[in-house]
Protein backbone atom coordinates (compact mmCIF):
# COMPACT_ATOMS: atom_id res chain seq x y z
CA MET A 1 -0.17 -0.01 0.35
CA PRO A 2 1.42 3.18 -0.98
CA ARG A 3 2.41 5.94 1.90
CA VAL A 4 -0.01 8.98 2.30
CA LEU A 5 1.77 11.80 0.93
CA SER A 6 1.27 15.24 2.43
CA GLU A 7 0.93 18.57 0.52
CA ALA A 8 4.68 19.31 1.04
CA ASP A 9 5.48 15.96 -0.22
CA VAL A 10 3.32 16.39 -3.66
CA ALA A 11 4.49 20.21 -3.70
CA ASP A 12 8.08 18.77 -3.85
CA PHE A 13 7.68 15.80 -6.40
CA ARG A 14 5.65 17.99 -8.72
CA GLU A 15 8.46 20.50 -8.43
CA ARG A 16 11.82 18.33 -9.30
CA LEU A 17 9.57 16.38 -12.23
CA CYS A 18 8.48 19.84 -14.15
CA GLU A 19 12.60 20.92 -13.55
CA ALA A 20 13.53 17.63 -15.36
CA ALA A 21 11.06 17.75 -17.65
CA GLU A 22 11.68 21.38 -18.42
CA ARG A 23 15.66 20.20 -18.99
CA LEU A 24 14.60 17.49 -21.34
CA PHE A 25 11.65 19.35 -23.02
CA ALA A 26 13.66 21.81 -24.08
CA GLU A 27 16.57 19.95 -25.15
CA ARG A 28 14.81 17.01 -27.06
CA GLY A 29 11.26 19.06 -27.65
CA PRO A 30 8.01 17.30 -25.28
CA ASP A 31 7.66 15.24 -28.71
CA ALA A 32 10.74 12.89 -28.17
CA VAL A 33 10.45 12.63 -24.20
CA THR A 34 8.24 9.71 -22.50
CA MET A 35 6.57 9.57 -18.85
CA ARG A 36 9.23 6.66 -18.54
CA GLN A 37 12.04 8.87 -19.22
CA LEU A 38 10.65 11.21 -16.83
CA ALA A 39 10.49 8.85 -13.86
CA ALA A 40 13.59 7.45 -15.03
CA GLU A 41 15.06 10.89 -14.45
CA LEU A 42 13.68 11.29 -10.99
CA GLY A 43 14.46 7.15 -10.46
CA VAL A 44 11.25 6.41 -9.55
CA SER A 45 8.72 3.85 -11.08
CA PRO A 46 7.09 4.57 -14.94
CA MET A 47 3.83 5.24 -13.18
CA THR A 48 4.04 7.48 -10.46
CA PRO A 49 4.55 10.56 -12.47
CA TYR A 50 0.94 9.64 -13.38
CA ARG A 51 0.26 10.38 -9.83
CA TYR A 52 1.04 13.57 -10.25
CA PHE A 53 0.27 14.76 -13.85
CA LYS A 54 -2.21 13.55 -16.00
CA ASP A 55 -0.05 13.14 -19.32
CA LYS A 56 3.03 15.36 -20.62
CA ASP A 57 0.92 18.19 -21.71
CA ASP A 58 -0.36 18.59 -18.52
CA ILE A 59 3.57 18.64 -17.46
CA LEU A 60 4.42 20.91 -20.13
CA ALA A 61 0.91 23.43 -19.09
CA ALA A 62 2.29 23.29 -15.55
CA ILE A 63 5.94 24.39 -16.41
CA ARG A 64 5.32 26.91 -18.75
CA THR A 65 2.24 28.54 -15.97
CA ASN A 66 5.73 28.83 -13.67
CA GLY A 67 7.36 30.08 -16.12
CA PHE A 68 5.02 32.79 -17.38
CA ASP A 69 4.47 33.60 -13.81
CA ARG A 70 7.97 34.17 -13.02
CA PHE A 71 8.89 36.37 -16.01
CA ALA A 72 5.71 38.38 -15.17
CA GLU A 73 6.74 38.93 -11.73
CA ALA A 74 10.53 39.69 -12.92
CA LEU A 75 9.38 42.49 -14.89
CA GLU A 76 6.69 43.78 -12.64
CA LYS A 77 9.45 43.79 -9.64
CA ALA A 78 11.53 46.14 -11.89
CA ARG A 79 9.00 48.25 -13.03
CA ASP A 80 7.94 48.76 -9.44
CA GLY A 81 10.84 49.29 -8.52
CA ALA A 82 12.17 52.67 -11.01
CA SER A 83 10.81 56.02 -10.58
CA GLY A 84 10.02 57.84 -13.61
CA ALA A 85 8.11 56.40 -16.90
CA ARG A 86 11.62 56.26 -18.95
CA ALA A 87 13.43 54.46 -15.97
CA ARG A 88 10.75 52.03 -15.49
CA GLY A 89 10.63 51.35 -19.19
CA ALA A 90 14.28 50.33 -18.94
CA ALA A 91 13.96 48.50 -15.89
CA VAL A 92 11.26 45.92 -17.66
CA GLY A 93 13.48 45.91 -20.93
CA GLN A 94 16.52 44.82 -18.90
CA ALA A 95 14.56 42.56 -16.55
CA TYR A 96 13.43 40.77 -19.93
CA VAL A 97 16.85 39.93 -21.44
CA ASP A 98 18.13 39.35 -18.18
CA PHE A 99 15.18 36.89 -17.36
CA ALA A 100 15.73 35.30 -20.88
CA PHE A 101 19.04 34.41 -20.91
CA GLU A 102 19.48 33.47 -16.54
CA HIS A 103 16.47 30.80 -17.97
CA PRO A 104 16.74 30.09 -21.29
CA HIS A 105 15.04 26.78 -20.92
CA THR A 106 11.87 28.35 -19.30
CA TYR A 107 11.82 30.85 -21.67
CA LYS A 108 12.34 28.69 -24.70
CA LEU A 109 8.95 26.21 -23.51
CA MET A 110 7.26 29.48 -22.92
CA PHE A 111 7.40 31.12 -26.14
CA ASP A 112 8.89 28.58 -28.49
CA LEU A 113 6.20 25.75 -28.43
CA ASN A 114 2.52 25.81 -28.87
CA GLN A 115 0.04 24.66 -25.94
CA PRO A 116 -2.41 21.65 -26.93
CA HIS A 117 -5.61 22.86 -26.66
CA GLU A 118 -4.07 26.15 -24.31
CA ASP A 119 -8.02 26.67 -23.07
CA ASP A 120 -8.19 22.91 -21.18
CA TYR A 121 -5.31 24.77 -18.81
CA PRO A 122 -6.97 27.95 -17.02
CA GLU A 123 -3.74 29.02 -15.05
CA LEU A 124 -1.68 28.88 -18.26
CA VAL A 125 -4.00 31.32 -19.84
CA ARG A 126 -4.28 33.51 -16.70
CA ALA A 127 0.23 33.46 -16.51
CA ALA A 128 0.38 34.19 -20.25
CA GLN A 129 -2.01 37.03 -19.58
CA ARG A 130 -0.59 38.28 -16.87
CA ALA A 131 3.10 38.10 -18.76
CA ARG A 132 1.37 39.86 -21.87
CA GLU A 133 -0.01 42.99 -19.28
CA THR A 134 3.81 43.39 -18.55
CA MET A 135 4.24 44.33 -22.13
CA THR A 136 1.30 47.34 -21.46
CA ALA A 137 1.97 48.59 -18.25
CA TRP A 138 5.45 50.23 -18.64
CA VAL A 139 4.04 51.84 -22.45
CA GLN A 140 1.13 53.41 -20.22
CA ASP A 141 3.43 54.76 -18.27
CA GLN A 142 5.14 56.73 -20.92
CA ILE A 143 1.67 57.92 -22.32
CA ASP A 144 0.74 58.86 -18.91
CA GLU A 145 3.96 61.23 -18.82
CA GLY A 146 3.87 62.48 -22.36
CA VAL A 147 6.92 60.34 -23.35
CA MET A 148 4.98 58.15 -26.07
CA THR A 149 1.78 58.74 -28.06
CA GLY A 150 0.02 55.74 -29.53
CA ASP A 151 -2.07 52.78 -28.51
CA PRO A 152 -0.76 51.49 -25.38
CA GLU A 153 -1.36 47.57 -26.65
CA GLN A 154 -0.12 47.72 -30.00
CA ILE A 155 3.10 49.85 -29.00
CA GLY A 156 3.51 47.00 -26.59
CA MET A 157 3.40 44.33 -28.66
CA MET A 158 5.85 46.12 -30.91
CA PHE A 159 8.43 46.40 -27.90
CA TRP A 160 8.13 42.26 -27.49
CA SER A 161 8.35 41.33 -31.13
CA ALA A 162 11.60 43.45 -31.49
CA ILE A 163 13.34 41.96 -28.04
CA HIS A 164 11.64 38.69 -28.52
CA GLY A 165 13.85 38.80 -31.98
CA VAL A 166 17.05 39.59 -31.01
CA VAL A 167 17.18 37.46 -27.68
CA VAL A 168 15.91 34.31 -29.64
CA LEU A 169 18.35 34.87 -31.96
CA GLU A 170 21.35 35.07 -29.81
CA LEU A 171 19.74 31.68 -27.71
CA ALA A 172 19.76 30.05 -31.13
CA GLY A 173 23.57 30.71 -31.71
CA LYS A 174 22.90 33.22 -34.45
CA LEU A 175 24.03 36.30 -32.98
CA GLN A 176 27.24 36.82 -30.91
CA PRO A 177 27.16 36.66 -27.29
CA GLY A 178 25.59 40.04 -25.71
CA ALA A 179 24.39 41.17 -28.99
CA ALA A 180 20.60 40.70 -28.05
CA GLN A 181 21.36 43.30 -24.86
CA GLU A 182 22.90 45.83 -27.38
CA LEU A 183 20.63 45.53 -30.32
CA HIS A 184 17.63 45.52 -27.65
CA HIS A 185 18.97 49.08 -26.69
CA GLY A 186 19.25 50.14 -29.96
CA LEU A 187 16.03 49.19 -31.07
CA ALA A 188 14.04 50.86 -28.02
CA ARG A 189 15.84 54.16 -28.76
CA VAL A 190 14.91 53.90 -32.30
CA LEU A 191 11.45 53.07 -31.69
CA GLY A 192 11.53 55.75 -28.45
CA ARG A 193 12.25 58.15 -30.95
CA GLY A 194 9.65 57.25 -33.28
CA LEU A 195 6.58 57.18 -30.95
CA ARG A 196 7.25 60.69 -29.54
CA PRO A 197 4.51 63.56 -29.56
CA GLY A 198 4.84 65.33 -32.30
CA ALA A 199 7.35 62.70 -34.07
């Protein structure tokens, strides 16, 4: 008879399983990883992961949810810790680049993979929306202080697309180490100039 697991036991195993899965999914792709391989990584029986997750999609959703929440938290903290619209925008951009390169496996799984039937995972939808809102909040700061003019959602997506592009290029080895940081600053300056009132 299996022992009764406490909430702490369950949370600890789920976390360890997600850490192993995150690394393997990012390295090989979820389709190339089996639940049996995940069990072997943790030294448990092949059926053990099924006590904690329904299937691989369930694990992927948990990893991505956690990633989006950590990402959003990093950007929110950066914005809250800066004074003035320009400083908040710069802090959010720096936090974005820092997160991507400090957690490359997480970043890849968050943005480079589609989640099958994403609407079946309301916590993932919530976390992804939270992350998206970080891309609008700092832009709204700029508009409120008269630094920029335009639609905050559209501007946020422009900046997000630009920074994501240079980050992914460097992560893929298409740019020299550190190039994403430099290009991000240049892109921010160019886009910012074009969005100033009267520009």
